[in-house]
Amino acid sequence: MILDLIVTGSDDGYTAEVPTVKGCESWAHTDEEAIEKTIELLVFYLKLKNRKDIKIDLARRTKNKFIYKLVFEK
């Protein structure tokens, strides 16, 4: 399974979300922390056993937005 993870930067921090999973989003002061929090939510929502099975690849980058591909078996 492959899902998009979108990280958007603003003046006060970063928002990370998985648009295909309703409610799977978080905010933090750093992009790494926002990504980590969102992946924790994804693991919970999808009832995954191991977070380490998720591979994160940067797909695209614009001015203030990063789009990652989350690759894992479900």
PDB file of N, CA and C in Angstrom:
ATOM      1  N   MET A   1       0.844  -1.162   0.000  1.00  0.00           N
ATOM      2  CA  MET A   1       0.000   0.000   0.000  1.00  0.00           C
ATOM      3  C   MET A   1       0.894   1.231   0.000  1.00  0.00           C
ATOM      4  N   ILE A   2       0.479   2.235  -0.747  1.00  0.00           N
ATOM      5  CA  ILE A   2       1.214   3.494  -0.812  1.00  0.00           C
ATOM      6  C   ILE A   2       0.240   4.630  -0.512  1.00  0.00           C
ATOM      7  N   LEU A   3       0.598   5.469   0.449  1.00  0.00           N
ATOM      8  CA  LEU A   3      -0.209   6.629   0.804  1.00  0.00           C
ATOM      9  C   LEU A   3       0.644   7.885   0.735  1.00  0.00           C
ATOM     10  N   ASP A   4       0.009   9.014   0.452  1.00  0.00           N
ATOM     11  CA  ASP A   4       0.703  10.297   0.451  1.00  0.00           C
ATOM     12  C   ASP A   4       0.721  10.881   1.858  1.00  0.00           C
ATOM     13  N   LEU A   5       1.824  11.506   2.205  1.00  0.00           N
ATOM     14  CA  LEU A   5       1.960  12.284   3.430  1.00  0.00           C
ATOM     15  C   LEU A   5       2.351  13.682   2.987  1.00  0.00           C
ATOM     16  N   ILE A   6       1.532  14.663   3.325  1.00  0.00           N
ATOM     17  CA  ILE A   6       1.776  16.040   2.898  1.00  0.00           C
ATOM     18  C   ILE A   6       2.174  16.864   4.113  1.00  0.00           C
ATOM     19  N   VAL A   7       3.329  17.510   4.017  1.00  0.00           N
ATOM     20  CA  VAL A   7       3.835  18.361   5.091  1.00  0.00           C
ATOM     21  C   VAL A   7       3.860  19.787   4.571  1.00  0.00           C
ATOM     22  N   THR A   8       3.166  20.675   5.285  1.00  0.00           N
ATOM     23  CA  THR A   8       3.068  22.077   4.884  1.00  0.00           C
ATOM     24  C   THR A   8       3.678  22.946   5.963  1.00  0.00           C
ATOM     25  N   GLY A   9       4.598  23.810   5.555  1.00  0.00           N
ATOM     26  CA  GLY A   9       5.243  24.717   6.495  1.00  0.00           C
ATOM     27  C   GLY A   9       4.552  26.071   6.522  1.00  0.00           C
ATOM     28  N   SER A  10       4.533  26.680   7.702  1.00  0.00           N
ATOM     29  CA  SER A  10       3.985  28.028   7.845  1.00  0.00           C
ATOM     30  C   SER A  10       4.891  28.803   8.794  1.00  0.00           C
ATOM     31  N   ASP A  11       4.498  30.014   9.126  1.00  0.00           N
ATOM     32  CA  ASP A  11       5.327  30.836  10.004  1.00  0.00           C
ATOM     33  C   ASP A  11       5.435  30.296  11.427  1.00  0.00           C
ATOM     34  N   ASP A  12       4.412  29.557  11.862  1.00  0.00           N
ATOM     35  CA  ASP A  12       4.410  29.093  13.246  1.00  0.00           C
ATOM     36  C   ASP A  12       4.676  27.601  13.413  1.00  0.00           C
ATOM     37  N   GLY A  13       4.956  26.869  12.350  1.00  0.00           N
ATOM     38  CA  GLY A  13       5.255  25.445  12.479  1.00  0.00           C
ATOM     39  C   GLY A  13       4.908  24.665  11.232  1.00  0.00           C
ATOM     40  N   TYR A  14       4.670  23.364  11.404  1.00  0.00           N
ATOM     41  CA  TYR A  14       4.416  22.460  10.286  1.00  0.00           C
ATOM     42  C   TYR A  14       3.163  21.629  10.555  1.00  0.00           C
ATOM     43  N   THR A  15       2.413  21.392   9.498  1.00  0.00           N
ATOM     44  CA  THR A  15       1.261  20.508   9.543  1.00  0.00           C
ATOM     45  C   THR A  15       1.552  19.329   8.640  1.00  0.00           C
ATOM     46  N   ALA A  16       1.315  18.120   9.144  1.00  0.00           N
ATOM     47  CA  ALA A  16       1.493  16.907   8.353  1.00  0.00           C
ATOM     48  C   ALA A  16       0.166  16.170   8.325  1.00  0.00           C
ATOM     49  N   GLU A  17      -0.192  15.641   7.151  1.00  0.00           N
ATOM     50  CA  GLU A  17      -1.464  14.933   7.031  1.00  0.00           C
ATOM     51  C   GLU A  17      -1.386  13.824   5.998  1.00  0.00           C
ATOM     52  N   VAL A  18      -2.196  12.794   6.228  1.00  0.00           N
ATOM     53  CA  VAL A  18      -2.415  11.739   5.250  1.00  0.00           C
ATOM     54  C   VAL A  18      -3.854  11.943   4.775  1.00  0.00           C
ATOM     55  N   PRO A  19      -4.047  12.582   3.606  1.00  0.00           N
ATOM     56  CA  PRO A  19      -5.389  12.982   3.174  1.00  0.00           C
ATOM     57  C   PRO A  19      -6.379  11.837   2.995  1.00  0.00           C
ATOM     58  N   THR A  20      -5.906  10.654   2.694  1.00  0.00           N
ATOM     59  CA  THR A  20      -6.819   9.531   2.455  1.00  0.00           C
ATOM     60  C   THR A  20      -7.325   8.887   3.742  1.00  0.00           C
ATOM     61  N   VAL A  21      -6.758   9.264   4.886  1.00  0.00           N
ATOM     62  CA  VAL A  21      -7.203   8.735   6.175  1.00  0.00           C
ATOM     63  C   VAL A  21      -7.771   9.908   6.975  1.00  0.00           C
ATOM     64  N   LYS A  22      -9.081   9.936   7.118  1.00  0.00           N
ATOM     65  CA  LYS A  22      -9.759  11.044   7.775  1.00  0.00           C
ATOM     66  C   LYS A  22      -9.252  11.241   9.205  1.00  0.00           C
ATOM     67  N   GLY A  23      -8.856  12.471   9.523  1.00  0.00           N
ATOM     68  CA  GLY A  23      -8.391  12.796  10.864  1.00  0.00           C
ATOM     69  C   GLY A  23      -6.935  12.500  11.131  1.00  0.00           C
ATOM     70  N   CYS A  24      -6.221  12.008  10.143  1.00  0.00           N
ATOM     71  CA  CYS A  24      -4.813  11.653  10.336  1.00  0.00           C
ATOM     72  C   CYS A  24      -3.947  12.859   9.981  1.00  0.00           C
ATOM     73  N   GLU A  25      -3.843  13.785  10.937  1.00  0.00           N
ATOM     74  CA  GLU A  25      -3.033  14.977  10.740  1.00  0.00           C
ATOM     75  C   GLU A  25      -2.539  15.478  12.085  1.00  0.00           C
ATOM     76  N   SER A  26      -1.448  16.230  12.052  1.00  0.00           N
ATOM     77  CA  SER A  26      -0.899  16.780  13.280  1.00  0.00           C
ATOM     78  C   SER A  26      -0.118  18.049  12.969  1.00  0.00           C
ATOM     79  N   TRP A  27       0.176  18.793  14.031  1.00  0.00           N
ATOM     80  CA  TRP A  27       0.942  20.030  13.931  1.00  0.00           C
ATOM     81  C   TRP A  27       2.103  19.946  14.908  1.00  0.00           C
ATOM     82  N   ALA A  28       3.236  20.554  14.537  1.00  0.00           N
ATOM     83  CA  ALA A  28       4.397  20.610  15.431  1.00  0.00           C
ATOM     84  C   ALA A  28       5.296  21.775  15.017  1.00  0.00           C
ATOM     85  N   HIS A  29       6.259  22.068  15.864  1.00  0.00           N
ATOM     86  CA  HIS A  29       7.203  23.155  15.580  1.00  0.00           C
ATOM     87  C   HIS A  29       8.208  22.772  14.497  1.00  0.00           C
ATOM     88  N   THR A  30       8.523  21.468  14.370  1.00  0.00           N
ATOM     89  CA  THR A  30       9.472  21.019  13.351  1.00  0.00           C
ATOM     90  C   THR A  30       8.782  20.038  12.404  1.00  0.00           C
ATOM     91  N   ASP A  31       9.310  19.946  11.189  1.00  0.00           N
ATOM     92  CA  ASP A  31       8.714  19.027  10.220  1.00  0.00           C
ATOM     93  C   ASP A  31       8.904  17.570  10.642  1.00  0.00           C
ATOM     94  N   GLU A  32      10.056  17.240  11.231  1.00  0.00           N
ATOM     95  CA  GLU A  32      10.298  15.870  11.668  1.00  0.00           C
ATOM     96  C   GLU A  32       9.303  15.437  12.738  1.00  0.00           C
ATOM     97  N   GLU A  33       9.014  16.326  13.674  1.00  0.00           N
ATOM     98  CA  GLU A  33       8.074  16.005  14.743  1.00  0.00           C
ATOM     99  C   GLU A  33       6.645  15.850  14.202  1.00  0.00           C
ATOM    100  N   ALA A  34       6.272  16.704  13.257  1.00  0.00           N
ATOM    101  CA  ALA A  34       4.938  16.600  12.642  1.00  0.00           C
ATOM    102  C   ALA A  34       4.794  15.282  11.892  1.00  0.00           C
ATOM    103  N   ILE A  35       5.833  14.884  11.175  1.00  0.00           N
ATOM    104  CA  ILE A  35       5.812  13.613  10.446  1.00  0.00           C
ATOM    105  C   ILE A  35       5.690  12.445  11.418  1.00  0.00           C
ATOM    106  N   GLU A  36       6.481  12.470  12.476  1.00  0.00           N
ATOM    107  CA  GLU A  36       6.465  11.374  13.454  1.00  0.00           C
ATOM    108  C   GLU A  36       5.097  11.238  14.120  1.00  0.00           C
ATOM    109  N   LYS A  37       4.500  12.356  14.513  1.00  0.00           N
ATOM    110  CA  LYS A  37       3.178  12.322  15.144  1.00  0.00           C
ATOM    111  C   LYS A  37       2.119  11.772  14.192  1.00  0.00           C
ATOM    112  N   THR A  38       2.194  12.176  12.929  1.00  0.00           N
ATOM    113  CA  THR A  38       1.210  11.726  11.947  1.00  0.00           C
ATOM    114  C   THR A  38       1.360  10.239  11.664  1.00  0.00           C
ATOM    115  N   ILE A  39       2.579   9.757  11.604  1.00  0.00           N
ATOM    116  CA  ILE A  39       2.793   8.334  11.373  1.00  0.00           C
ATOM    117  C   ILE A  39       2.304   7.519  12.576  1.00  0.00           C
ATOM    118  N   GLU A  40       2.494   8.035  13.785  1.00  0.00           N
ATOM    119  CA  GLU A  40       1.944   7.354  14.961  1.00  0.00           C
ATOM    120  C   GLU A  40       0.426   7.237  14.861  1.00  0.00           C
ATOM    121  N   LEU A  41      -0.236   8.306  14.429  1.00  0.00           N
ATOM    122  CA  LEU A  41      -1.685   8.261  14.230  1.00  0.00           C
ATOM    123  C   LEU A  41      -2.064   7.245  13.160  1.00  0.00           C
ATOM    124  N   LEU A  42      -1.316   7.212  12.067  1.00  0.00           N
ATOM    125  CA  LEU A  42      -1.593   6.276  10.984  1.00  0.00           C
ATOM    126  C   LEU A  42      -1.481   4.833  11.467  1.00  0.00           C
ATOM    127  N   VAL A  43      -0.455   4.547  12.237  1.00  0.00           N
ATOM    128  CA  VAL A  43      -0.280   3.203  12.794  1.00  0.00           C
ATOM    129  C   VAL A  43      -1.484   2.834  13.655  1.00  0.00           C
ATOM    130  N   PHE A  44      -1.964   3.780  14.459  1.00  0.00           N
ATOM    131  CA  PHE A  44      -3.131   3.535  15.303  1.00  0.00           C
ATOM    132  C   PHE A  44      -4.395   3.337  14.466  1.00  0.00           C
ATOM    133  N   TYR A  45      -4.663   4.247  13.517  1.00  0.00           N
ATOM    134  CA  TYR A  45      -5.885   4.173  12.712  1.00  0.00           C
ATOM    135  C   TYR A  45      -5.955   2.900  11.871  1.00  0.00           C
ATOM    136  N   LEU A  46      -4.827   2.492  11.298  1.00  0.00           N
ATOM    137  CA  LEU A  46      -4.813   1.315  10.429  1.00  0.00           C
ATOM    138  C   LEU A  46      -4.505   0.030  11.193  1.00  0.00           C
ATOM    139  N   LYS A  47      -4.294   0.139  12.502  1.00  0.00           N
ATOM    140  CA  LYS A  47      -4.017  -1.013  13.366  1.00  0.00           C
ATOM    141  C   LYS A  47      -2.815  -1.820  12.869  1.00  0.00           C
ATOM    142  N   LEU A  48      -1.759  -1.088  12.545  1.00  0.00           N
ATOM    143  CA  LEU A  48      -0.525  -1.736  12.103  1.00  0.00           C
ATOM    144  C   LEU A  48       0.240  -2.246  13.316  1.00  0.00           C
ATOM    145  N   LYS A  49       0.971  -3.322  13.135  1.00  0.00           N
ATOM    146  CA  LYS A  49       1.711  -3.915  14.252  1.00  0.00           C
ATOM    147  C   LYS A  49       3.075  -3.278  14.452  1.00  0.00           C
ATOM    148  N   ASN A  50       3.709  -2.856  13.369  1.00  0.00           N
ATOM    149  CA  ASN A  50       5.076  -2.366  13.470  1.00  0.00           C
ATOM    150  C   ASN A  50       5.255  -1.107  12.647  1.00  0.00           C
ATOM    151  N   ARG A  51       5.606  -0.014  13.290  1.00  0.00           N
ATOM    152  CA  ARG A  51       5.812   1.262  12.609  1.00  0.00           C
ATOM    153  C   ARG A  51       7.051   1.218  11.711  1.00  0.00           C
ATOM    154  N   LYS A  52       7.994   0.365  12.047  1.00  0.00           N
ATOM    155  CA  LYS A  52       9.245   0.299  11.296  1.00  0.00           C
ATOM    156  C   LYS A  52       9.068  -0.289   9.901  1.00  0.00           C
ATOM    157  N   ASP A  53       7.916  -0.888   9.631  1.00  0.00           N
ATOM    158  CA  ASP A  53       7.641  -1.431   8.303  1.00  0.00           C
ATOM    159  C   ASP A  53       7.272  -0.352   7.291  1.00  0.00           C
ATOM    160  N   ILE A  54       7.062   0.874   7.752  1.00  0.00           N
ATOM    161  CA  ILE A  54       6.688   1.977   6.863  1.00  0.00           C
ATOM    162  C   ILE A  54       7.954   2.647   6.348  1.00  0.00           C
ATOM    163  N   LYS A  55       8.082   2.726   5.026  1.00  0.00           N
ATOM    164  CA  LYS A  55       9.207   3.420   4.402  1.00  0.00           C
ATOM    165  C   LYS A  55       8.719   4.781   3.915  1.00  0.00           C
ATOM    166  N   ILE A  56       9.517   5.818   4.138  1.00  0.00           N
ATOM    167  CA  ILE A  56       9.140   7.184   3.780  1.00  0.00           C
ATOM    168  C   ILE A  56      10.076   7.674   2.686  1.00  0.00           C
ATOM    169  N   ASP A  57       9.488   8.056   1.539  1.00  0.00           N
ATOM    170  CA  ASP A  57      10.274   8.573   0.417  1.00  0.00           C
ATOM    171  C   ASP A  57       9.740   9.944   0.014  1.00  0.00           C
ATOM    172  N   LEU A  58      10.644  10.911  -0.157  1.00  0.00           N
ATOM    173  CA  LEU A  58      10.254  12.238  -0.627  1.00  0.00           C
ATOM    174  C   LEU A  58       9.924  12.152  -2.105  1.00  0.00           C
ATOM    175  N   ALA A  59       8.709  12.546  -2.471  1.00  0.00           N
ATOM    176  CA  ALA A  59       8.280  12.465  -3.864  1.00  0.00           C
ATOM    177  C   ALA A  59       8.406  13.815  -4.572  1.00  0.00           C
ATOM    178  N   ARG A  60       7.894  14.871  -3.935  1.00  0.00           N
ATOM    179  CA  ARG A  60       7.925  16.204  -4.543  1.00  0.00           C
ATOM    180  C   ARG A  60       8.129  17.257  -3.474  1.00  0.00           C
ATOM    181  N   ARG A  61       8.567  18.421  -3.949  1.00  0.00           N
ATOM    182  CA  ARG A  61       8.754  19.547  -3.044  1.00  0.00           C
ATOM    183  C   ARG A  61       8.390  20.825  -3.779  1.00  0.00           C
ATOM    184  N   THR A  62       7.613  21.666  -3.108  1.00  0.00           N
ATOM    185  CA  THR A  62       7.333  23.001  -3.632  1.00  0.00           C
ATOM    186  C   THR A  62       7.845  24.005  -2.609  1.00  0.00           C
ATOM    187  N   LYS A  63       7.443  25.241  -2.740  1.00  0.00           N
ATOM    188  CA  LYS A  63       7.976  26.287  -1.875  1.00  0.00           C
ATOM    189  C   LYS A  63       7.817  25.977  -0.387  1.00  0.00           C
ATOM    190  N   ASN A  64       6.621  25.657   0.057  1.00  0.00           N
ATOM    191  CA  ASN A  64       6.405  25.393   1.480  1.00  0.00           C
ATOM    192  C   ASN A  64       5.698  24.062   1.729  1.00  0.00           C
ATOM    193  N   LYS A  65       5.720  23.161   0.740  1.00  0.00           N
ATOM    194  CA  LYS A  65       5.020  21.889   0.868  1.00  0.00           C
ATOM    195  C   LYS A  65       5.926  20.746   0.416  1.00  0.00           C
ATOM    196  N   PHE A  66       5.952  19.683   1.225  1.00  0.00           N
ATOM    197  CA  PHE A  66       6.685  18.466   0.897  1.00  0.00           C
ATOM    198  C   PHE A  66       5.688  17.338   0.783  1.00  0.00           C
ATOM    199  N   ILE A  67       5.792  16.533  -0.256  1.00  0.00           N
ATOM    200  CA  ILE A  67       4.912  15.384  -0.426  1.00  0.00           C
ATOM    201  C   ILE A  67       5.765  14.127  -0.377  1.00  0.00           C
ATOM    202  N   TYR A  68       5.460  13.289   0.609  1.00  0.00           N
ATOM    203  CA  TYR A  68       6.167  12.037   0.807  1.00  0.00           C
ATOM    204  C   TYR A  68       5.266  10.877   0.410  1.00  0.00           C
ATOM    205  N   LYS A  69       5.868   9.768   0.037  1.00  0.00           N
ATOM    206  CA  LYS A  69       5.148   8.513  -0.208  1.00  0.00           C
ATOM    207  C   LYS A  69       5.454   7.586   0.962  1.00  0.00           C
ATOM    208  N   LEU A  70       4.400   7.077   1.590  1.00  0.00           N
ATOM    209  CA  LEU A  70       4.537   6.094   2.650  1.00  0.00           C
ATOM    210  C   LEU A  70       4.280   4.732   2.034  1.00  0.00           C
ATOM    211  N   VAL A  71       5.255   3.857   2.080  1.00  0.00           N
ATOM    212  CA  VAL A  71       5.157   2.539   1.454  1.00  0.00           C
ATOM    213  C   VAL A  71       5.184   1.486   2.552  1.00  0.00           C
ATOM    214  N   PHE A  72       4.157   0.610   2.560  1.00  0.00           N
ATOM    215  CA  PHE A  72       4.093  -0.456   3.548  1.00  0.00           C
ATOM    216  C   PHE A  72       3.125  -1.523   3.116  1.00  0.00           C
ATOM    217  N   GLU A  73       3.211  -2.666   3.775  1.00  0.00           N
ATOM    218  CA  GLU A  73       2.293  -3.780   3.543  1.00  0.00           C
ATOM    219  C   GLU A  73       1.139  -3.684   4.502  1.00  0.00           C
ATOM    220  N   LYS A  74      -0.065  -3.860   4.016  1.00  0.00           N
ATOM    221  CA  LYS A  74      -1.259  -3.862   4.889  1.00  0.00           C
ATOM    222  C   LYS A  74      -2.073  -5.082   4.589  1.00  0.00           C
TER     223      LYS A  74
END
